[in-house]
Amino acid sequence: MATRFQRRARNPEGRMSLGAHLVELRKRLFRSAIAVVVGTVAGFLLFDLVWAYLSTPISVIEDAKTGQVSVNYAGIATAFDIRFQIALTVGIVISSPFWLYQIFAFLVPGLSRREKRFTFGFFFSAVPLFLSGCAAGFLVMPHIVELMNTFVPEGGTSYYDAKYFIDFILKLVLATGVAFVLPVFLVLLNFMGVLSAAGIIKGWRWAILTITLFTATATPAADIVSMFMLAIPMVALYFAAYFVAYFHDKAVARRAERIDASLAAEA
C-alpha cells in the first residue's frame, strides 16, 4: 500500500477525484448522523427539563387570563412523537460542534494552507453563533406565544394542539440557529475567493425572497408576525455579511496594488 508521502508525490496539489469527494462526503455524513443519534439519546434523558421550559408560556397565559389554556394530544402516538421530536432537536443542537466541524472538514482537503487557516477560524465562529441563535430562539419563544395569545378575546378558552405547538417552537429555534450561522458561510466563501462582495449584494433580491420562503416554512402559515420577526434579523445578517466581505475585498485590492507597485519599481 502506498504511503501518504508517496501519494503526495504522485498528487502534489492534493486534488481529489469526484469519486473521492463522494466517499469523503459519505464519511462526513455518517459521522454527523452518529453524533446526532448520540445527542438524541441525551435529548430523551433531558426531556422533562426541556419540556418544563417549553411549557412556561402556558402557565404565564393561564395567570394572565381568566380563560382556560391547555395543550391537547390528539392521537394515541402524539405524546411519543413529541418526545422524539424534542429529543431529536436537542440532539441536533448539542451535537452541532461535531457536525459543523464535519462540514468544514469536508471543505479542507481542497484548500490551500492559507485557506485552511480561514476555514478553522470561521468554524470557531460558526459554533457559538449557531448555539447563540438557538438560545435566542428559546428566549424569544415564550414572548411570541404570549403575543399570539393576546388576540384571544378575554374569557376565551385556548386549546393548543400539542403537535402544532411543538412544531412552532422547535422550527423557530432551529431556524434562528441557522439564521445566525449562514452569514459565516457567506464570509467564508468570500475569504476563500469564491464569492465577491459584489456577488453577494447582486443577489440581494433573491436572498430576501429565499429568506421569506424559509421563514414562512419555519413558522406557522397563519402567523405573519412571527415570520417577519424571524425574517428581519436574517436579512440584517445577510447585509452584515456583505459589509464584512466588502471591506475584505477592499483590503485585498489594496494589497494587490502594493504588490504591483513594488514589482513595477523593481522593474
Protein backbone atom coordinates (compact mmCIF):
# COMPACT_ATOMS: atom_id res chain seq x y z
CA MET A 1 0.00 0.00 0.00
CA ALA A 2 1.30 3.43 -0.93
CA THR A 3 2.37 5.62 1.93
CA ARG A 4 0.97 9.11 2.50
CA PHE A 5 4.23 10.63 1.19
CA GLN A 6 4.12 8.51 -1.97
CA ARG A 7 0.51 9.60 -2.62
CA ARG A 8 1.56 13.20 -2.08
CA ALA A 9 4.43 12.79 -4.56
CA ARG A 10 2.04 11.45 -7.22
CA ASN A 11 -0.51 14.17 -6.48
CA PRO A 12 1.42 17.19 -5.21
CA GLU A 13 -1.60 19.54 -5.42
CA GLY A 14 -3.73 17.23 -3.28
CA ARG A 15 -6.58 17.16 -5.77
CA MET A 16 -9.43 14.69 -5.22
CA SER A 17 -11.48 12.96 -7.89
CA LEU A 18 -15.28 13.13 -7.94
CA GLY A 19 -15.45 9.60 -6.55
CA ALA A 20 -13.10 10.51 -3.71
CA HIS A 21 -15.24 13.57 -2.93
CA LEU A 22 -18.36 11.38 -2.76
CA VAL A 23 -16.63 8.89 -0.47
CA GLU A 24 -15.46 11.77 1.73
CA LEU A 25 -18.99 13.21 1.80
CA ARG A 26 -20.47 9.84 2.80
CA LYS A 27 -17.94 9.52 5.61
CA ARG A 28 -18.71 13.01 6.93
CA LEU A 29 -22.48 12.45 6.75
CA PHE A 30 -22.19 9.11 8.57
CA ARG A 31 -20.14 10.65 11.37
CA SER A 32 -22.60 13.52 11.66
CA ALA A 33 -25.54 11.10 11.85
CA ILE A 34 -23.85 9.15 14.64
CA ALA A 35 -23.29 12.38 16.58
CA VAL A 36 -26.95 13.38 16.17
CA VAL A 37 -28.10 9.92 17.33
CA VAL A 38 -25.96 10.18 20.46
CA GLY A 39 -27.30 13.67 21.06
CA THR A 40 -30.87 12.42 20.60
CA VAL A 41 -30.34 9.83 23.33
CA ALA A 42 -29.22 12.66 25.60
CA GLY A 43 -32.31 14.59 24.48
CA PHE A 44 -34.56 11.78 25.74
CA LEU A 45 -32.85 12.00 29.12
CA LEU A 46 -33.28 15.78 29.21
CA PHE A 47 -36.90 15.75 28.01
CA ASP A 48 -38.51 16.66 31.35
CA LEU A 49 -36.17 19.63 31.81
CA VAL A 50 -36.72 20.90 28.26
CA TRP A 51 -40.48 20.42 28.37
CA ALA A 52 -40.68 22.32 31.67
CA TYR A 53 -39.23 25.35 29.90
CA LEU A 54 -41.19 24.94 26.66
CA SER A 55 -44.47 24.86 28.58
CA THR A 56 -43.77 28.03 30.59
CA PRO A 57 -45.84 30.24 28.24
CA ILE A 58 -48.90 28.12 29.08
CA SER A 59 -48.65 28.84 32.81
CA VAL A 60 -47.98 32.54 32.12
CA ILE A 61 -51.06 32.78 29.90
CA GLU A 62 -53.17 30.97 32.49
CA ASP A 63 -52.13 33.52 35.13
CA ALA A 64 -52.80 36.48 32.85
CA LYS A 65 -56.23 35.43 31.52
CA THR A 66 -59.38 34.18 33.17
CA GLY A 67 -59.96 31.63 30.41
CA GLN A 68 -58.54 28.11 30.44
CA VAL A 69 -55.41 27.20 28.48
CA SER A 70 -54.46 23.60 27.75
CA VAL A 71 -52.25 21.53 25.45
CA ASN A 72 -54.12 18.65 23.81
CA TYR A 73 -52.69 15.38 22.50
CA ALA A 74 -54.92 14.47 19.57
CA GLY A 75 -53.60 10.98 18.71
CA ILE A 76 -52.50 7.85 20.52
CA ALA A 77 -48.88 8.21 19.42
CA THR A 78 -48.77 12.02 19.66
CA ALA A 79 -47.08 12.05 23.08
CA PHE A 80 -44.29 9.76 21.85
CA ASP A 81 -43.92 11.72 18.59
CA ILE A 82 -43.50 14.94 20.55
CA ARG A 83 -40.99 13.38 22.92
CA PHE A 84 -38.96 12.07 19.97
CA GLN A 85 -39.19 15.40 18.13
CA ILE A 86 -37.91 17.32 21.14
CA ALA A 87 -35.14 14.76 21.74
CA LEU A 88 -34.05 14.95 18.08
CA THR A 89 -33.93 18.75 18.17
CA VAL A 90 -31.90 18.68 21.37
CA GLY A 91 -29.60 16.14 19.71
CA ILE A 92 -29.08 18.40 16.69
CA VAL A 93 -28.28 21.37 18.90
CA ILE A 94 -25.88 19.71 21.34
CA SER A 95 -24.08 17.81 18.55
CA SER A 96 -23.73 20.95 16.41
CA PRO A 97 -20.00 21.43 17.19
CA PHE A 98 -19.32 17.98 15.73
CA TRP A 99 -21.45 18.14 12.57
CA LEU A 100 -20.41 21.73 11.88
CA TYR A 101 -16.81 20.52 12.08
CA GLN A 102 -17.63 17.78 9.58
CA ILE A 103 -18.98 20.39 7.15
CA PHE A 104 -15.82 22.46 7.41
CA ALA A 105 -13.56 19.39 7.33
CA PHE A 106 -15.20 18.35 4.05
CA LEU A 107 -14.06 21.68 2.57
CA VAL A 108 -10.50 21.50 3.90
CA PRO A 109 -8.89 18.90 1.53
CA GLY A 110 -9.37 21.17 -1.47
CA LEU A 111 -7.96 24.28 0.17
CA SER A 112 -4.51 25.80 0.40
CA ARG A 113 -2.72 26.17 3.74
CA ARG A 114 -3.78 29.84 3.97
CA GLU A 115 -7.42 28.99 3.18
CA LYS A 116 -7.42 26.21 5.79
CA ARG A 117 -6.45 28.79 8.38
CA PHE A 118 -9.53 30.83 7.45
CA THR A 119 -11.72 27.72 7.47
CA PHE A 120 -10.90 26.73 11.03
CA GLY A 121 -11.19 30.34 12.15
CA PHE A 122 -14.71 30.51 10.77
CA PHE A 123 -15.56 27.13 12.28
CA PHE A 124 -14.86 28.50 15.74
CA SER A 125 -17.17 31.40 14.87
CA ALA A 126 -19.96 29.24 13.45
CA VAL A 127 -20.40 27.02 16.51
CA PRO A 128 -21.04 29.80 19.06
CA LEU A 129 -23.20 31.66 16.53
CA PHE A 130 -25.40 28.60 15.91
CA LEU A 131 -25.73 27.92 19.64
CA SER A 132 -26.42 31.61 20.30
CA GLY A 133 -29.10 31.59 17.61
CA CYS A 134 -30.81 28.56 19.13
CA ALA A 135 -30.60 30.16 22.57
CA ALA A 136 -32.12 33.35 21.18
CA GLY A 137 -34.96 31.31 19.71
CA PHE A 138 -35.60 29.68 23.11
CA LEU A 139 -35.57 33.07 24.84
CA VAL A 140 -37.88 34.75 22.31
CA MET A 141 -40.29 31.80 22.05
CA PRO A 142 -42.31 32.43 25.24
CA HIS A 143 -42.89 36.06 24.26
CA ILE A 144 -44.11 35.07 20.78
CA VAL A 145 -46.57 32.55 22.23
CA GLU A 146 -47.82 35.10 24.74
CA LEU A 147 -48.11 37.74 21.99
CA MET A 148 -50.18 35.43 19.79
CA ASN A 149 -52.46 34.65 22.72
CA THR A 150 -53.27 38.33 23.26
CA PHE A 151 -55.57 38.11 20.23
CA VAL A 152 -57.82 35.65 22.09
CA PRO A 153 -60.86 37.54 23.50
CA GLU A 154 -60.97 37.99 27.26
CA GLY A 155 -62.54 34.97 28.93
CA GLY A 156 -61.93 32.75 25.88
CA THR A 157 -60.54 29.26 26.09
CA SER A 158 -57.33 28.36 24.26
CA TYR A 159 -56.78 24.75 23.22
CA TYR A 160 -53.32 24.25 21.75
CA ASP A 161 -52.72 21.18 19.63
CA ALA A 162 -49.56 19.66 21.11
CA LYS A 163 -48.07 18.70 17.74
CA TYR A 164 -48.64 22.16 16.28
CA PHE A 165 -47.35 23.84 19.45
CA ILE A 166 -44.09 21.88 19.44
CA ASP A 167 -43.61 22.25 15.66
CA PHE A 168 -43.91 26.00 16.05
CA ILE A 169 -41.36 26.18 18.87
CA LEU A 170 -38.75 23.78 17.50
CA LYS A 171 -38.85 25.18 13.96
CA LEU A 172 -38.38 28.64 15.41
CA VAL A 173 -35.37 27.54 17.48
CA LEU A 174 -33.61 25.72 14.63
CA ALA A 175 -34.42 28.41 12.09
CA THR A 176 -32.94 31.06 14.37
CA GLY A 177 -29.79 28.98 14.79
CA VAL A 178 -29.45 28.58 11.01
CA ALA A 179 -30.12 32.30 10.53
CA PHE A 180 -27.22 33.18 12.83
CA VAL A 181 -24.72 30.87 11.13
CA LEU A 182 -25.50 31.46 7.44
CA PRO A 183 -23.57 34.76 7.22
CA VAL A 184 -20.46 32.89 8.38
CA PHE A 185 -20.60 30.72 5.26
CA LEU A 186 -21.04 33.76 3.02
CA VAL A 187 -18.00 35.45 4.57
CA LEU A 188 -16.06 32.18 4.40
CA LEU A 189 -16.72 31.89 0.66
CA ASN A 190 -15.60 35.49 0.25
CA PHE A 191 -12.34 34.96 2.15
CA MET A 192 -11.71 31.85 0.03
CA GLY A 193 -12.10 33.95 -3.13
CA VAL A 194 -15.16 32.01 -4.32
CA LEU A 195 -17.72 34.79 -3.77
CA SER A 196 -17.10 38.52 -4.00
CA ALA A 197 -18.90 41.22 -2.08
CA ALA A 198 -20.35 42.42 -5.39
CA GLY A 199 -21.71 38.92 -5.98
CA ILE A 200 -23.32 38.89 -2.54
CA ILE A 201 -25.08 42.23 -2.97
CA LYS A 202 -26.04 41.47 -6.58
CA GLY A 203 -28.30 38.66 -5.42
CA TRP A 204 -29.96 40.58 -2.58
CA ARG A 205 -33.43 40.30 -4.13
CA TRP A 206 -33.14 36.52 -4.45
CA ALA A 207 -31.71 36.37 -0.93
CA ILE A 208 -34.69 38.23 0.54
CA LEU A 209 -37.10 36.02 -1.41
CA THR A 210 -35.32 32.88 -0.16
CA ILE A 211 -35.31 34.16 3.42
CA THR A 212 -39.04 34.94 3.20
CA LEU A 213 -39.83 31.46 1.89
CA PHE A 214 -37.61 29.89 4.54
CA THR A 215 -39.22 31.80 7.41
CA ALA A 216 -42.70 31.06 6.03
CA THR A 217 -41.82 27.35 6.22
CA ALA A 218 -40.25 27.64 9.65
CA THR A 219 -43.25 29.38 11.22
CA PRO A 220 -46.97 28.56 11.15
CA ALA A 221 -48.65 29.56 7.88
CA ALA A 222 -51.10 31.95 9.56
CA ASP A 223 -48.51 33.57 11.82
CA ILE A 224 -47.27 36.53 9.76
CA VAL A 225 -45.89 38.34 12.80
CA SER A 226 -43.52 35.51 13.73
CA MET A 227 -42.44 35.17 10.11
CA PHE A 228 -41.33 38.80 9.97
CA MET A 229 -39.77 38.64 13.44
CA LEU A 230 -37.53 35.87 12.09
CA ALA A 231 -37.02 37.28 8.58
CA ILE A 232 -35.86 40.75 9.63
CA PRO A 233 -32.78 39.56 11.62
CA MET A 234 -31.85 37.17 8.80
CA VAL A 235 -31.95 39.99 6.25
CA ALA A 236 -29.87 42.17 8.60
CA LEU A 237 -27.28 39.40 8.99
CA TYR A 238 -27.16 38.95 5.20
CA PHE A 239 -26.27 42.61 4.70
CA ALA A 240 -23.80 42.43 7.60
CA ALA A 241 -22.03 39.60 5.76
CA TYR A 242 -21.93 41.81 2.65
CA PHE A 243 -20.25 44.66 4.52
CA VAL A 244 -17.63 42.31 6.00
CA ALA A 245 -16.94 40.92 2.51
CA TYR A 246 -16.85 44.46 1.07
CA PHE A 247 -14.13 45.64 3.47
CA HIS A 248 -12.21 42.39 2.95
CA ASP A 249 -12.28 42.85 -0.85
CA LYS A 250 -11.06 46.41 -0.40
CA ALA A 251 -8.14 45.18 1.73
CA VAL A 252 -7.27 42.51 -0.86
CA ALA A 253 -7.36 45.11 -3.65
CA ARG A 254 -5.07 47.47 -1.73
CA ARG A 255 -2.64 44.62 -1.04
CA ALA A 256 -2.62 43.69 -4.75
CA GLU A 257 -1.95 47.31 -5.69
CA ARG A 258 1.03 47.47 -3.33
CA ILE A 259 2.45 44.25 -4.81
CA ASP A 260 2.01 45.58 -8.36
CA ALA A 261 3.66 48.85 -7.38
CA SER A 262 6.65 47.11 -5.81
CA LEU A 263 7.08 44.87 -8.88
CA ALA A 264 6.89 47.89 -11.16
CA ALA A 265 9.52 49.71 -9.04
CA GLU A 266 11.87 46.70 -9.22
CA ALA A 267 11.47 46.52 -12.98
